[in-house]
Structures are given as structure tokens and as C-alpha cells.
Amino acid sequence: MKELDKFTKWACEIQSLAQAGLEYSTNIYDIERFERLRDISAEMIAEKADISIEKAKSLFCNEKGYQTPKIDTRAAVFDGDKILLVKENDGRWSLPGGWCDFDLSIAENTIKETREEAGLDVTADRLIAVQDRKKHNEPPYVYGIIKTFMLCSAIGGEFKENSETTERRYFSKSELPENLSVEKVNKEQILMCFEAKDNENWEVVFD
């Protein structure tokens, strides 16, 4: 996998240290210094990515507390030997899923996202994998993401076009589309879900 360059890694480390400092510092002068360090990290990212300072800050400096990875949940729903994918607004395909809401468990969030994106009511049955995104997906991001994949069973529902997806469809292994939303899910991850479905003794994959 492509890794972050040294410049971006330095910016990420500065941002992480600054955010931790802002969380634990009580001295007003130290807080000002950590705020400036976080601004510098955003300026570095803006320069590197050729985006505005405002956008860099919104992506890079929008959290409080000790910096930890975000959690992304993905549902693997099967109909026989075919897996469910949803077509996003940009025309690419993905497993239904998204960011885990702060007040939901991984299972609850997987169920919610599948209902919203695929119009399906599902049960969350088995955990397939817990992966560090940077080890599996392109392009590299400047913040950490933990990806979870859960085997689910459809119990009802009806698809309706929505703000995120325009279609849902089941694909066999040999029919998987080329235009996957690879920053969210790639072919290897989908094939992993097929393997888990066919193996009752599947052991959770983790990094």
C-alpha cells in the first residue's frame, strides 16, 4: 500500500501532539502554543494537498480530546452466492456502510447504514474483520480509520433512491464491478466477505 510521505507524517504527528496538549493542558500560554501548533499542521496539509486552510482545518482539526481513529462499519449481505453492493452518487460501488455514530454500537450502526443506503432491514450476525484502513485501502488519509466488516442477514425492506445511493444490486464473485469505491472497500475485502460467509468456523481477521 502507498504510505504517507514524510512531510505529511510530520504534519499528522504535530496535529496529534497538539490535540493531546489541548486536551490535557490548563496553562493558558501552553494552550495558545498547542493551538498554534495545530494551525501549523493544518497549514502544512493545505500546502501539500493544495487546498484552502479552512478546508484543511475542517478535515484535520475538527475534533477534541485525545486523538483516536474513526470507526467505519460495512455490511456483507448475501443472497445465495451473491453479495449486496450499493451504487453511490458518483457511479461507483461499495458495501453499504459509513462512519459509526457516537451513540451506536458497531452492530447497530451497520444495521442503520444498510437500511439508509440499501433500503434493507438486516440482522448483524457475525464479525468478519477489524482492519486498519491504511494497511488495505487507497488513497492514504491524514487521519486513522478502523474498518469493520459484519456478516448480515436481510429480513425485509425496500430500496428507495436517496441522497447517498442510486441503486442496489447483488453480485457473484465473477461479476464484481471494476468501478469500486476503493477508498471505502476494495475487491480483496469483498472476497474476504465471501470467504467468511462460506466458513462456519471463520475466525475474525484483525490487524
N, C-alpha and C. Protein backbone atom coordinates (compact mmCIF):
# COMPACT_ATOMS: atom_id res chain seq x y z
N MET A 1 0.83 -1.20 0.00
CA MET A 1 0.00 0.00 0.00
C MET A 1 0.87 1.25 0.00
N LYS A 2 0.36 2.27 -0.68
CA LYS A 2 1.06 3.55 -0.69
C LYS A 2 0.99 4.18 0.69
N GLU A 3 2.11 4.68 1.18
CA GLU A 3 2.15 5.28 2.50
C GLU A 3 2.22 6.80 2.40
N LEU A 4 1.88 7.45 3.50
CA LEU A 4 2.02 8.90 3.56
C LEU A 4 3.49 9.28 3.43
N ASP A 5 3.77 10.37 2.75
CA ASP A 5 5.14 10.83 2.65
C ASP A 5 5.58 11.42 3.99
N LYS A 6 6.88 11.62 4.15
CA LYS A 6 7.42 12.09 5.43
C LYS A 6 6.82 13.43 5.85
N PHE A 7 6.67 14.35 4.88
CA PHE A 7 6.12 15.67 5.18
C PHE A 7 4.74 15.54 5.82
N THR A 8 3.88 14.71 5.21
CA THR A 8 2.52 14.54 5.72
C THR A 8 2.52 13.83 7.06
N LYS A 9 3.42 12.84 7.23
CA LYS A 9 3.52 12.15 8.52
C LYS A 9 3.91 13.12 9.62
N TRP A 10 4.84 14.03 9.31
CA TRP A 10 5.24 15.03 10.32
C TRP A 10 4.05 15.92 10.69
N ALA A 11 3.29 16.33 9.68
CA ALA A 11 2.12 17.17 9.94
C ALA A 11 1.11 16.43 10.82
N CYS A 12 0.90 15.14 10.54
CA CYS A 12 -0.03 14.34 11.33
C CYS A 12 0.44 14.19 12.77
N GLU A 13 1.75 14.00 12.94
CA GLU A 13 2.28 13.85 14.30
C GLU A 13 2.16 15.16 15.08
N ILE A 14 2.43 16.28 14.42
CA ILE A 14 2.29 17.58 15.08
C ILE A 14 0.84 17.79 15.49
N GLN A 15 -0.09 17.45 14.59
CA GLN A 15 -1.51 17.64 14.89
C GLN A 15 -1.93 16.77 16.08
N SER A 16 -1.47 15.53 16.10
CA SER A 16 -1.82 14.62 17.19
C SER A 16 -1.29 15.11 18.53
N LEU A 17 -0.03 15.56 18.55
CA LEU A 17 0.57 16.08 19.78
C LEU A 17 -0.14 17.35 20.24
N ALA A 18 -0.49 18.20 19.28
CA ALA A 18 -1.18 19.45 19.63
C ALA A 18 -2.56 19.17 20.21
N GLN A 19 -3.27 18.21 19.60
CA GLN A 19 -4.61 17.89 20.09
C GLN A 19 -4.57 17.31 21.49
N ALA A 20 -3.58 16.45 21.75
CA ALA A 20 -3.42 15.90 23.10
C ALA A 20 -3.07 17.01 24.08
N GLY A 21 -2.21 17.93 23.65
CA GLY A 21 -1.85 19.05 24.51
C GLY A 21 -3.04 19.91 24.86
N LEU A 22 -3.90 20.16 23.88
CA LEU A 22 -5.10 20.97 24.12
C LEU A 22 -6.07 20.27 25.07
N GLU A 23 -6.06 18.94 25.03
CA GLU A 23 -6.96 18.19 25.91
C GLU A 23 -6.50 18.22 27.36
N TYR A 24 -5.20 18.17 27.59
CA TYR A 24 -4.71 17.98 28.95
C TYR A 24 -4.09 19.22 29.59
N SER A 25 -3.81 20.25 28.78
CA SER A 25 -3.16 21.43 29.34
C SER A 25 -4.15 22.36 30.01
N THR A 26 -3.69 23.01 31.08
CA THR A 26 -4.51 24.01 31.78
C THR A 26 -3.88 25.39 31.74
N ASN A 27 -2.60 25.45 31.45
CA ASN A 27 -1.90 26.74 31.37
C ASN A 27 -2.29 27.46 30.10
N ILE A 28 -2.73 28.71 30.23
CA ILE A 28 -3.24 29.46 29.08
C ILE A 28 -2.18 29.65 28.01
N TYR A 29 -0.94 29.80 28.41
CA TYR A 29 0.14 30.01 27.43
C TYR A 29 0.45 28.71 26.68
N ASP A 30 0.40 27.59 27.40
CA ASP A 30 0.60 26.30 26.73
C ASP A 30 -0.54 26.04 25.74
N ILE A 31 -1.76 26.37 26.12
CA ILE A 31 -2.91 26.18 25.24
C ILE A 31 -2.73 26.99 23.95
N GLU A 32 -2.27 28.23 24.10
CA GLU A 32 -2.03 29.06 22.92
C GLU A 32 -0.96 28.44 22.02
N ARG A 33 0.08 27.88 22.62
CA ARG A 33 1.14 27.25 21.83
C ARG A 33 0.62 26.01 21.09
N PHE A 34 -0.17 25.20 21.78
CA PHE A 34 -0.71 24.00 21.14
C PHE A 34 -1.70 24.36 20.03
N GLU A 35 -2.48 25.43 20.24
CA GLU A 35 -3.39 25.89 19.18
C GLU A 35 -2.61 26.31 17.94
N ARG A 36 -1.47 27.00 18.17
CA ARG A 36 -0.65 27.42 17.04
C ARG A 36 -0.01 26.21 16.35
N LEU A 37 0.41 25.22 17.12
CA LEU A 37 0.97 24.02 16.52
C LEU A 37 -0.07 23.30 15.65
N ARG A 38 -1.30 23.27 16.11
CA ARG A 38 -2.34 22.61 15.31
C ARG A 38 -2.61 23.40 14.04
N ASP A 39 -2.60 24.72 14.14
CA ASP A 39 -2.75 25.56 12.94
C ASP A 39 -1.61 25.30 11.95
N ILE A 40 -0.39 25.18 12.47
CA ILE A 40 0.76 24.91 11.59
C ILE A 40 0.58 23.58 10.87
N SER A 41 0.09 22.56 11.59
CA SER A 41 -0.11 21.26 10.96
C SER A 41 -1.14 21.35 9.84
N ALA A 42 -2.19 22.14 10.06
CA ALA A 42 -3.21 22.33 9.01
C ALA A 42 -2.63 23.09 7.82
N GLU A 43 -1.79 24.07 8.11
CA GLU A 43 -1.15 24.83 7.03
C GLU A 43 -0.24 23.94 6.20
N MET A 44 0.45 23.01 6.86
CA MET A 44 1.31 22.07 6.15
C MET A 44 0.49 21.17 5.23
N ILE A 45 -0.64 20.66 5.74
CA ILE A 45 -1.50 19.81 4.93
C ILE A 45 -2.10 20.59 3.77
N ALA A 46 -2.51 21.83 4.03
CA ALA A 46 -3.08 22.66 2.96
C ALA A 46 -2.06 22.91 1.86
N GLU A 47 -0.83 23.16 2.25
CA GLU A 47 0.24 23.39 1.28
C GLU A 47 0.51 22.13 0.46
N LYS A 48 0.56 21.00 1.15
CA LYS A 48 0.87 19.74 0.48
C LYS A 48 -0.25 19.31 -0.46
N ALA A 49 -1.50 19.46 -0.01
CA ALA A 49 -2.64 18.99 -0.79
C ALA A 49 -3.21 20.05 -1.72
N ASP A 50 -2.67 21.28 -1.64
CA ASP A 50 -3.14 22.39 -2.46
C ASP A 50 -4.63 22.65 -2.24
N ILE A 51 -5.00 22.75 -0.97
CA ILE A 51 -6.37 23.09 -0.61
C ILE A 51 -6.34 24.30 0.32
N SER A 52 -7.50 24.86 0.59
CA SER A 52 -7.56 26.05 1.44
C SER A 52 -7.26 25.68 2.89
N ILE A 53 -6.79 26.66 3.65
CA ILE A 53 -6.55 26.46 5.07
C ILE A 53 -7.84 26.05 5.77
N GLU A 54 -8.94 26.69 5.38
CA GLU A 54 -10.23 26.40 6.01
C GLU A 54 -10.62 24.93 5.82
N LYS A 55 -10.43 24.43 4.59
CA LYS A 55 -10.78 23.02 4.34
C LYS A 55 -9.86 22.10 5.10
N ALA A 56 -8.58 22.42 5.14
CA ALA A 56 -7.62 21.59 5.88
C ALA A 56 -8.00 21.53 7.36
N LYS A 57 -8.39 22.66 7.92
CA LYS A 57 -8.78 22.67 9.33
C LYS A 57 -10.05 21.87 9.56
N SER A 58 -11.01 21.95 8.62
CA SER A 58 -12.26 21.23 8.79
C SER A 58 -12.04 19.72 8.74
N LEU A 59 -11.06 19.27 7.94
CA LEU A 59 -10.76 17.85 7.83
C LEU A 59 -9.83 17.36 8.93
N PHE A 60 -8.99 18.26 9.40
CA PHE A 60 -7.81 17.86 10.17
C PHE A 60 -7.87 18.30 11.63
N CYS A 61 -8.64 19.33 11.92
CA CYS A 61 -8.61 19.91 13.26
C CYS A 61 -10.03 20.08 13.82
N ASN A 62 -10.90 19.13 13.54
CA ASN A 62 -12.30 19.29 13.91
C ASN A 62 -12.71 18.45 15.11
N GLU A 63 -11.75 17.87 15.81
CA GLU A 63 -12.09 17.03 16.95
C GLU A 63 -11.41 17.54 18.22
N LYS A 64 -11.95 17.11 19.33
CA LYS A 64 -11.36 17.43 20.62
C LYS A 64 -11.04 16.13 21.33
N GLY A 65 -10.21 16.23 22.37
CA GLY A 65 -9.84 15.04 23.12
C GLY A 65 -8.64 14.36 22.51
N TYR A 66 -8.20 13.31 23.18
CA TYR A 66 -7.04 12.56 22.70
C TYR A 66 -7.38 11.97 21.33
N GLN A 67 -6.48 12.10 20.39
CA GLN A 67 -6.77 11.69 19.02
C GLN A 67 -6.79 10.17 18.89
N THR A 68 -7.89 9.65 18.38
CA THR A 68 -8.06 8.22 18.13
C THR A 68 -8.63 8.03 16.74
N PRO A 69 -8.55 6.82 16.18
CA PRO A 69 -9.09 6.59 14.84
C PRO A 69 -10.61 6.70 14.79
N LYS A 70 -11.12 7.05 13.63
CA LYS A 70 -12.56 6.96 13.37
C LYS A 70 -12.91 5.50 13.11
N ILE A 71 -14.19 5.15 13.26
CA ILE A 71 -14.64 3.79 13.00
C ILE A 71 -15.60 3.79 11.81
N ASP A 72 -15.33 2.89 10.86
CA ASP A 72 -16.16 2.73 9.68
C ASP A 72 -16.77 1.33 9.72
N THR A 73 -18.09 1.22 9.52
CA THR A 73 -18.74 -0.08 9.54
C THR A 73 -19.23 -0.45 8.14
N ARG A 74 -19.07 -1.72 7.76
CA ARG A 74 -19.51 -2.21 6.45
C ARG A 74 -20.30 -3.51 6.63
N ALA A 75 -21.38 -3.63 5.86
CA ALA A 75 -22.26 -4.80 5.93
C ALA A 75 -22.03 -5.71 4.73
N ALA A 76 -21.89 -7.01 5.00
CA ALA A 76 -21.82 -8.03 3.95
C ALA A 76 -23.13 -8.80 3.98
N VAL A 77 -23.99 -8.52 3.01
CA VAL A 77 -25.32 -9.15 2.93
C VAL A 77 -25.34 -10.04 1.69
N PHE A 78 -25.75 -11.29 1.84
CA PHE A 78 -25.72 -12.24 0.73
C PHE A 78 -27.13 -12.70 0.37
N ASP A 79 -27.29 -12.95 -0.93
CA ASP A 79 -28.47 -13.64 -1.45
C ASP A 79 -27.93 -14.84 -2.22
N GLY A 80 -27.91 -16.00 -1.58
CA GLY A 80 -27.28 -17.16 -2.18
C GLY A 80 -25.78 -16.95 -2.28
N ASP A 81 -25.26 -17.04 -3.51
CA ASP A 81 -23.81 -16.87 -3.71
C ASP A 81 -23.48 -15.47 -4.24
N LYS A 82 -24.36 -14.51 -3.98
CA LYS A 82 -24.13 -13.15 -4.44
C LYS A 82 -24.14 -12.17 -3.26
N ILE A 83 -23.28 -11.14 -3.35
CA ILE A 83 -23.16 -10.15 -2.27
C ILE A 83 -23.80 -8.84 -2.70
N LEU A 84 -24.36 -8.14 -1.73
CA LEU A 84 -25.03 -6.87 -1.98
C LEU A 84 -24.03 -5.72 -2.07
N LEU A 85 -24.12 -4.94 -3.13
CA LEU A 85 -23.38 -3.69 -3.26
C LEU A 85 -24.36 -2.57 -3.56
N VAL A 86 -24.00 -1.37 -3.14
CA VAL A 86 -24.82 -0.19 -3.44
C VAL A 86 -24.04 0.74 -4.36
N LYS A 87 -24.76 1.38 -5.26
CA LYS A 87 -24.15 2.31 -6.21
C LYS A 87 -24.26 3.72 -5.66
N GLU A 88 -23.10 4.35 -5.46
CA GLU A 88 -23.08 5.68 -4.88
C GLU A 88 -23.33 6.74 -5.95
N ASN A 89 -23.52 7.97 -5.51
CA ASN A 89 -23.86 9.06 -6.43
C ASN A 89 -22.81 9.31 -7.49
N ASP A 90 -21.57 8.92 -7.23
CA ASP A 90 -20.51 9.12 -8.21
C ASP A 90 -20.39 7.96 -9.19
N GLY A 91 -21.32 6.99 -9.10
CA GLY A 91 -21.34 5.87 -10.03
C GLY A 91 -20.51 4.67 -9.63
N ARG A 92 -19.86 4.74 -8.47
CA ARG A 92 -19.03 3.63 -8.02
C ARG A 92 -19.79 2.78 -7.00
N TRP A 93 -19.31 1.54 -6.83
CA TRP A 93 -20.00 0.56 -5.99
C TRP A 93 -19.24 0.32 -4.68
N SER A 94 -20.01 0.02 -3.64
CA SER A 94 -19.42 -0.22 -2.33
C SER A 94 -20.34 -1.12 -1.51
N LEU A 95 -19.78 -1.74 -0.48
CA LEU A 95 -20.61 -2.36 0.54
C LEU A 95 -21.33 -1.25 1.30
N PRO A 96 -22.60 -1.44 1.66
CA PRO A 96 -23.27 -0.41 2.45
C PRO A 96 -22.56 -0.19 3.78
N GLY A 97 -22.45 1.06 4.18
CA GLY A 97 -21.78 1.35 5.44
C GLY A 97 -21.42 2.82 5.57
N GLY A 98 -20.71 3.14 6.63
CA GLY A 98 -20.30 4.53 6.86
C GLY A 98 -19.74 4.72 8.25
N TRP A 99 -19.52 6.00 8.61
CA TRP A 99 -18.97 6.32 9.93
C TRP A 99 -19.89 5.83 11.04
N CYS A 100 -19.29 5.34 12.09
CA CYS A 100 -20.05 4.88 13.26
C CYS A 100 -20.46 6.08 14.10
N ASP A 101 -21.76 6.24 14.30
CA ASP A 101 -22.26 7.34 15.13
C ASP A 101 -21.84 7.15 16.58
N PHE A 102 -21.67 8.26 17.28
CA PHE A 102 -21.12 8.22 18.64
C PHE A 102 -22.01 7.44 19.61
N ASP A 103 -23.31 7.36 19.33
CA ASP A 103 -24.24 6.74 20.27
C ASP A 103 -24.71 5.36 19.82
N LEU A 104 -24.02 4.77 18.82
CA LEU A 104 -24.42 3.46 18.33
C LEU A 104 -23.25 2.48 18.44
N SER A 105 -23.59 1.22 18.67
CA SER A 105 -22.58 0.17 18.64
C SER A 105 -22.24 -0.15 17.18
N ILE A 106 -21.20 -0.93 16.97
CA ILE A 106 -20.83 -1.31 15.61
C ILE A 106 -21.98 -2.06 14.94
N ALA A 107 -22.61 -2.99 15.66
CA ALA A 107 -23.73 -3.74 15.09
C ALA A 107 -24.90 -2.81 14.76
N GLU A 108 -25.24 -1.94 15.68
CA GLU A 108 -26.35 -1.01 15.46
C GLU A 108 -26.08 -0.10 14.28
N ASN A 109 -24.85 0.37 14.16
CA ASN A 109 -24.51 1.28 13.07
C ASN A 109 -24.54 0.56 11.72
N THR A 110 -24.09 -0.69 11.70
CA THR A 110 -24.12 -1.48 10.47
C THR A 110 -25.56 -1.66 9.99
N ILE A 111 -26.45 -1.94 10.92
CA ILE A 111 -27.87 -2.10 10.59
C ILE A 111 -28.45 -0.79 10.07
N LYS A 112 -28.12 0.31 10.74
CA LYS A 112 -28.64 1.63 10.34
C LYS A 112 -28.17 2.01 8.94
N GLU A 113 -26.87 1.85 8.67
CA GLU A 113 -26.33 2.25 7.38
C GLU A 113 -26.90 1.39 6.25
N THR A 114 -27.11 0.11 6.51
CA THR A 114 -27.67 -0.76 5.48
C THR A 114 -29.10 -0.36 5.16
N ARG A 115 -29.85 0.01 6.18
CA ARG A 115 -31.23 0.48 5.95
C ARG A 115 -31.22 1.78 5.15
N GLU A 116 -30.33 2.71 5.51
CA GLU A 116 -30.30 4.00 4.84
C GLU A 116 -29.82 3.90 3.39
N GLU A 117 -28.79 3.10 3.14
CA GLU A 117 -28.16 3.07 1.82
C GLU A 117 -28.75 2.02 0.89
N ALA A 118 -29.23 0.90 1.45
CA ALA A 118 -29.74 -0.19 0.61
C ALA A 118 -31.22 -0.44 0.78
N GLY A 119 -31.85 0.23 1.74
CA GLY A 119 -33.27 0.01 1.98
C GLY A 119 -33.59 -1.34 2.57
N LEU A 120 -32.59 -2.01 3.14
CA LEU A 120 -32.77 -3.34 3.69
C LEU A 120 -32.76 -3.31 5.21
N ASP A 121 -33.67 -4.06 5.79
CA ASP A 121 -33.60 -4.35 7.22
C ASP A 121 -32.77 -5.61 7.37
N VAL A 122 -31.77 -5.57 8.23
CA VAL A 122 -30.88 -6.72 8.40
C VAL A 122 -30.64 -7.00 9.87
N THR A 123 -30.15 -8.19 10.12
CA THR A 123 -29.60 -8.53 11.43
C THR A 123 -28.08 -8.61 11.27
N ALA A 124 -27.37 -8.17 12.28
CA ALA A 124 -25.91 -8.26 12.28
C ALA A 124 -25.52 -9.55 12.98
N ASP A 125 -24.96 -10.50 12.21
CA ASP A 125 -24.80 -11.86 12.72
C ASP A 125 -23.39 -12.20 13.20
N ARG A 126 -22.39 -11.86 12.40
CA ARG A 126 -21.02 -12.25 12.74
C ARG A 126 -20.04 -11.17 12.32
N LEU A 127 -19.04 -10.94 13.15
CA LEU A 127 -17.97 -10.02 12.81
C LEU A 127 -16.97 -10.74 11.91
N ILE A 128 -16.66 -10.14 10.74
CA ILE A 128 -15.74 -10.74 9.79
C ILE A 128 -14.31 -10.25 10.02
N ALA A 129 -14.17 -8.93 10.16
CA ALA A 129 -12.82 -8.37 10.23
C ALA A 129 -12.81 -7.02 10.90
N VAL A 130 -11.67 -6.68 11.49
CA VAL A 130 -11.37 -5.35 12.01
C VAL A 130 -10.03 -4.96 11.41
N GLN A 131 -10.04 -3.98 10.52
CA GLN A 131 -8.83 -3.64 9.76
C GLN A 131 -8.42 -2.19 9.95
N ASP A 132 -7.11 -1.99 9.91
CA ASP A 132 -6.54 -0.65 9.88
C ASP A 132 -6.56 -0.19 8.42
N ARG A 133 -7.35 0.83 8.13
CA ARG A 133 -7.57 1.22 6.74
C ARG A 133 -6.28 1.46 5.97
N LYS A 134 -5.31 2.09 6.61
CA LYS A 134 -4.09 2.45 5.88
C LYS A 134 -3.31 1.25 5.39
N LYS A 135 -3.60 0.06 5.94
CA LYS A 135 -2.93 -1.15 5.50
C LYS A 135 -3.62 -1.80 4.31
N HIS A 136 -4.81 -1.31 3.94
CA HIS A 136 -5.60 -2.01 2.93
C HIS A 136 -6.17 -1.14 1.82
N ASN A 137 -6.44 0.12 2.10
CA ASN A 137 -7.18 0.95 1.14
C ASN A 137 -6.39 2.15 0.67
N GLU A 138 -6.65 2.55 -0.57
CA GLU A 138 -6.09 3.76 -1.17
C GLU A 138 -7.20 4.79 -1.34
N PRO A 139 -6.83 6.08 -1.36
CA PRO A 139 -5.52 6.65 -1.07
C PRO A 139 -5.31 6.76 0.44
N PRO A 140 -4.07 7.03 0.88
CA PRO A 140 -3.84 7.23 2.32
C PRO A 140 -4.53 8.49 2.82
N TYR A 141 -5.06 8.43 4.03
CA TYR A 141 -5.71 9.58 4.66
C TYR A 141 -4.80 10.14 5.76
N VAL A 142 -5.05 11.38 6.14
CA VAL A 142 -4.23 12.01 7.17
C VAL A 142 -4.77 11.74 8.57
N TYR A 143 -5.83 10.96 8.68
CA TYR A 143 -6.34 10.56 9.99
C TYR A 143 -6.58 9.06 9.97
N GLY A 144 -6.57 8.45 11.13
CA GLY A 144 -6.71 7.00 11.23
C GLY A 144 -8.15 6.54 11.13
N ILE A 145 -8.34 5.37 10.53
CA ILE A 145 -9.67 4.78 10.39
C ILE A 145 -9.58 3.29 10.69
N ILE A 146 -10.45 2.80 11.54
CA ILE A 146 -10.61 1.38 11.78
C ILE A 146 -11.85 0.92 11.03
N LYS A 147 -11.67 -0.05 10.13
CA LYS A 147 -12.78 -0.55 9.32
C LYS A 147 -13.27 -1.88 9.90
N THR A 148 -14.59 -2.01 10.03
CA THR A 148 -15.18 -3.26 10.49
C THR A 148 -16.10 -3.81 9.41
N PHE A 149 -16.09 -5.12 9.26
CA PHE A 149 -16.95 -5.81 8.29
C PHE A 149 -17.79 -6.83 9.04
N MET A 150 -19.11 -6.80 8.81
CA MET A 150 -20.01 -7.67 9.55
C MET A 150 -20.91 -8.44 8.60
N LEU A 151 -21.01 -9.75 8.82
CA LEU A 151 -21.90 -10.59 8.04
C LEU A 151 -23.33 -10.38 8.53
N CYS A 152 -24.21 -10.04 7.60
CA CYS A 152 -25.59 -9.69 7.96
C CYS A 152 -26.59 -10.53 7.17
N SER A 153 -27.81 -10.63 7.68
CA SER A 153 -28.89 -11.34 7.00
C SER A 153 -30.03 -10.37 6.75
N ALA A 154 -30.55 -10.37 5.52
CA ALA A 154 -31.67 -9.50 5.16
C ALA A 154 -32.97 -10.09 5.70
N ILE A 155 -33.81 -9.24 6.28
CA ILE A 155 -35.08 -9.71 6.82
C ILE A 155 -36.26 -8.91 6.27
N GLY A 156 -35.99 -7.97 5.36
CA GLY A 156 -37.07 -7.19 4.77
C GLY A 156 -36.56 -5.87 4.24
N GLY A 157 -37.50 -5.02 3.82
CA GLY A 157 -37.13 -3.71 3.35
C GLY A 157 -37.31 -3.54 1.86
N GLU A 158 -37.22 -2.30 1.43
CA GLU A 158 -37.40 -1.95 0.01
C GLU A 158 -36.48 -0.80 -0.33
N PHE A 159 -35.78 -0.90 -1.47
CA PHE A 159 -34.83 0.14 -1.85
C PHE A 159 -35.55 1.37 -2.38
N LYS A 160 -35.07 2.54 -1.94
CA LYS A 160 -35.52 3.82 -2.49
C LYS A 160 -34.28 4.68 -2.72
N GLU A 161 -34.22 5.29 -3.90
CA GLU A 161 -33.09 6.18 -4.19
C GLU A 161 -33.01 7.26 -3.13
N ASN A 162 -31.80 7.58 -2.71
CA ASN A 162 -31.63 8.50 -1.59
C ASN A 162 -30.46 9.44 -1.86
N SER A 163 -30.07 10.20 -0.87
CA SER A 163 -29.02 11.20 -1.05
C SER A 163 -27.64 10.59 -1.24
N GLU A 164 -27.48 9.31 -0.90
CA GLU A 164 -26.16 8.68 -0.97
C GLU A 164 -26.04 7.64 -2.08
N THR A 165 -27.11 6.92 -2.35
CA THR A 165 -27.03 5.81 -3.30
C THR A 165 -28.18 5.86 -4.31
N THR A 166 -27.91 5.33 -5.51
CA THR A 166 -28.90 5.35 -6.58
C THR A 166 -29.39 3.96 -6.97
N GLU A 167 -28.75 2.92 -6.45
CA GLU A 167 -29.10 1.56 -6.86
C GLU A 167 -28.51 0.56 -5.87
N ARG A 168 -29.14 -0.60 -5.79
CA ARG A 168 -28.53 -1.73 -5.07
C ARG A 168 -28.62 -2.94 -5.98
N ARG A 169 -27.62 -3.82 -5.86
CA ARG A 169 -27.59 -4.99 -6.73
C ARG A 169 -26.73 -6.07 -6.09
N TYR A 170 -27.07 -7.33 -6.36
CA TYR A 170 -26.28 -8.45 -5.87
C TYR A 170 -25.32 -8.93 -6.96
N PHE A 171 -24.07 -9.22 -6.56
CA PHE A 171 -23.04 -9.64 -7.49
C PHE A 171 -22.40 -10.94 -7.03
N SER A 172 -22.11 -11.83 -7.98
CA SER A 172 -21.31 -13.02 -7.68
C SER A 172 -19.84 -12.63 -7.70
N LYS A 173 -18.97 -13.57 -7.28
CA LYS A 173 -17.54 -13.29 -7.29
C LYS A 173 -17.06 -12.88 -8.68
N SER A 174 -17.56 -13.56 -9.70
CA SER A 174 -17.09 -13.32 -11.07
C SER A 174 -17.70 -12.07 -11.69
N GLU A 175 -18.70 -11.50 -11.03
CA GLU A 175 -19.41 -10.35 -11.59
C GLU A 175 -19.05 -9.03 -10.92
N LEU A 176 -18.13 -9.06 -9.97
CA LEU A 176 -17.84 -7.84 -9.22
C LEU A 176 -17.45 -6.70 -10.15
N PRO A 177 -18.03 -5.52 -9.96
CA PRO A 177 -17.74 -4.39 -10.85
C PRO A 177 -16.32 -3.88 -10.70
N GLU A 178 -15.79 -3.34 -11.77
CA GLU A 178 -14.44 -2.77 -11.74
C GLU A 178 -14.41 -1.43 -11.02
N ASN A 179 -15.50 -0.69 -11.15
CA ASN A 179 -15.53 0.67 -10.59
C ASN A 179 -16.00 0.66 -9.14
N LEU A 180 -15.14 0.07 -8.30
CA LEU A 180 -15.42 0.06 -6.86
C LEU A 180 -14.95 1.36 -6.22
N SER A 181 -15.60 1.74 -5.15
CA SER A 181 -15.18 2.89 -4.36
C SER A 181 -14.06 2.41 -3.43
N VAL A 182 -12.84 2.30 -4.01
CA VAL A 182 -11.76 1.57 -3.33
C VAL A 182 -11.27 2.24 -2.05
N GLU A 183 -11.53 3.54 -1.88
CA GLU A 183 -11.15 4.15 -0.62
C GLU A 183 -12.02 3.63 0.52
N LYS A 184 -13.18 3.04 0.18
CA LYS A 184 -14.08 2.50 1.19
C LYS A 184 -14.01 0.98 1.26
N VAL A 185 -13.97 0.33 0.10
CA VAL A 185 -13.89 -1.13 0.08
C VAL A 185 -13.28 -1.56 -1.25
N ASN A 186 -12.34 -2.49 -1.19
CA ASN A 186 -11.71 -2.97 -2.41
C ASN A 186 -12.10 -4.43 -2.68
N LYS A 187 -11.64 -4.96 -3.81
CA LYS A 187 -12.03 -6.31 -4.22
C LYS A 187 -11.57 -7.34 -3.20
N GLU A 188 -10.37 -7.20 -2.66
CA GLU A 188 -9.86 -8.16 -1.69
C GLU A 188 -10.75 -8.22 -0.45
N GLN A 189 -11.25 -7.07 -0.02
CA GLN A 189 -12.12 -7.04 1.15
C GLN A 189 -13.47 -7.70 0.87
N ILE A 190 -13.98 -7.50 -0.34
CA ILE A 190 -15.23 -8.15 -0.71
C ILE A 190 -15.05 -9.66 -0.79
N LEU A 191 -13.95 -10.11 -1.39
CA LEU A 191 -13.69 -11.55 -1.47
C LEU A 191 -13.50 -12.14 -0.08
N MET A 192 -12.93 -11.38 0.84
CA MET A 192 -12.81 -11.83 2.23
C MET A 192 -14.20 -12.11 2.81
N CYS A 193 -15.17 -11.26 2.48
CA CYS A 193 -16.53 -11.46 2.97
C CYS A 193 -17.14 -12.74 2.41
N PHE A 194 -16.85 -13.04 1.15
CA PHE A 194 -17.31 -14.31 0.57
C PHE A 194 -16.72 -15.49 1.35
N GLU A 195 -15.43 -15.41 1.66
CA GLU A 195 -14.78 -16.50 2.40
C GLU A 195 -15.42 -16.68 3.77
N ALA A 196 -15.71 -15.58 4.44
CA ALA A 196 -16.32 -15.67 5.77
C ALA A 196 -17.71 -16.28 5.70
N LYS A 197 -18.46 -15.93 4.68
CA LYS A 197 -19.82 -16.47 4.53
C LYS A 197 -19.81 -17.98 4.36
N ASP A 198 -18.81 -18.49 3.65
CA ASP A 198 -18.74 -19.92 3.34
C ASP A 198 -18.04 -20.73 4.41
N ASN A 199 -17.59 -20.10 5.47
CA ASN A 199 -16.82 -20.79 6.51
C ASN A 199 -17.49 -20.57 7.87
N GLU A 200 -18.17 -21.61 8.37
CA GLU A 200 -18.86 -21.51 9.65
C GLU A 200 -17.87 -21.33 10.80
N ASN A 201 -16.64 -21.75 10.59
CA ASN A 201 -15.62 -21.63 11.64
C ASN A 201 -14.68 -20.45 11.41
N TRP A 202 -15.18 -19.47 10.70
CA TRP A 202 -14.38 -18.28 10.37
C TRP A 202 -13.88 -17.61 11.65
N GLU A 203 -12.61 -17.27 11.65
CA GLU A 203 -12.02 -16.51 12.76
C GLU A 203 -11.84 -15.07 12.32
N VAL A 204 -12.22 -14.16 13.18
CA VAL A 204 -12.17 -12.73 12.85
C VAL A 204 -10.76 -12.32 12.43
N VAL A 205 -10.66 -11.63 11.31
CA VAL A 205 -9.39 -11.11 10.82
C VAL A 205 -9.15 -9.75 11.47
N PHE A 206 -7.95 -9.53 11.95
CA PHE A 206 -7.65 -8.22 12.55
C PHE A 206 -6.19 -7.87 12.32
N ASP A 207 -5.90 -6.58 12.28
CA ASP A 207 -4.54 -6.09 12.10
C ASP A 207 -3.89 -5.84 13.46
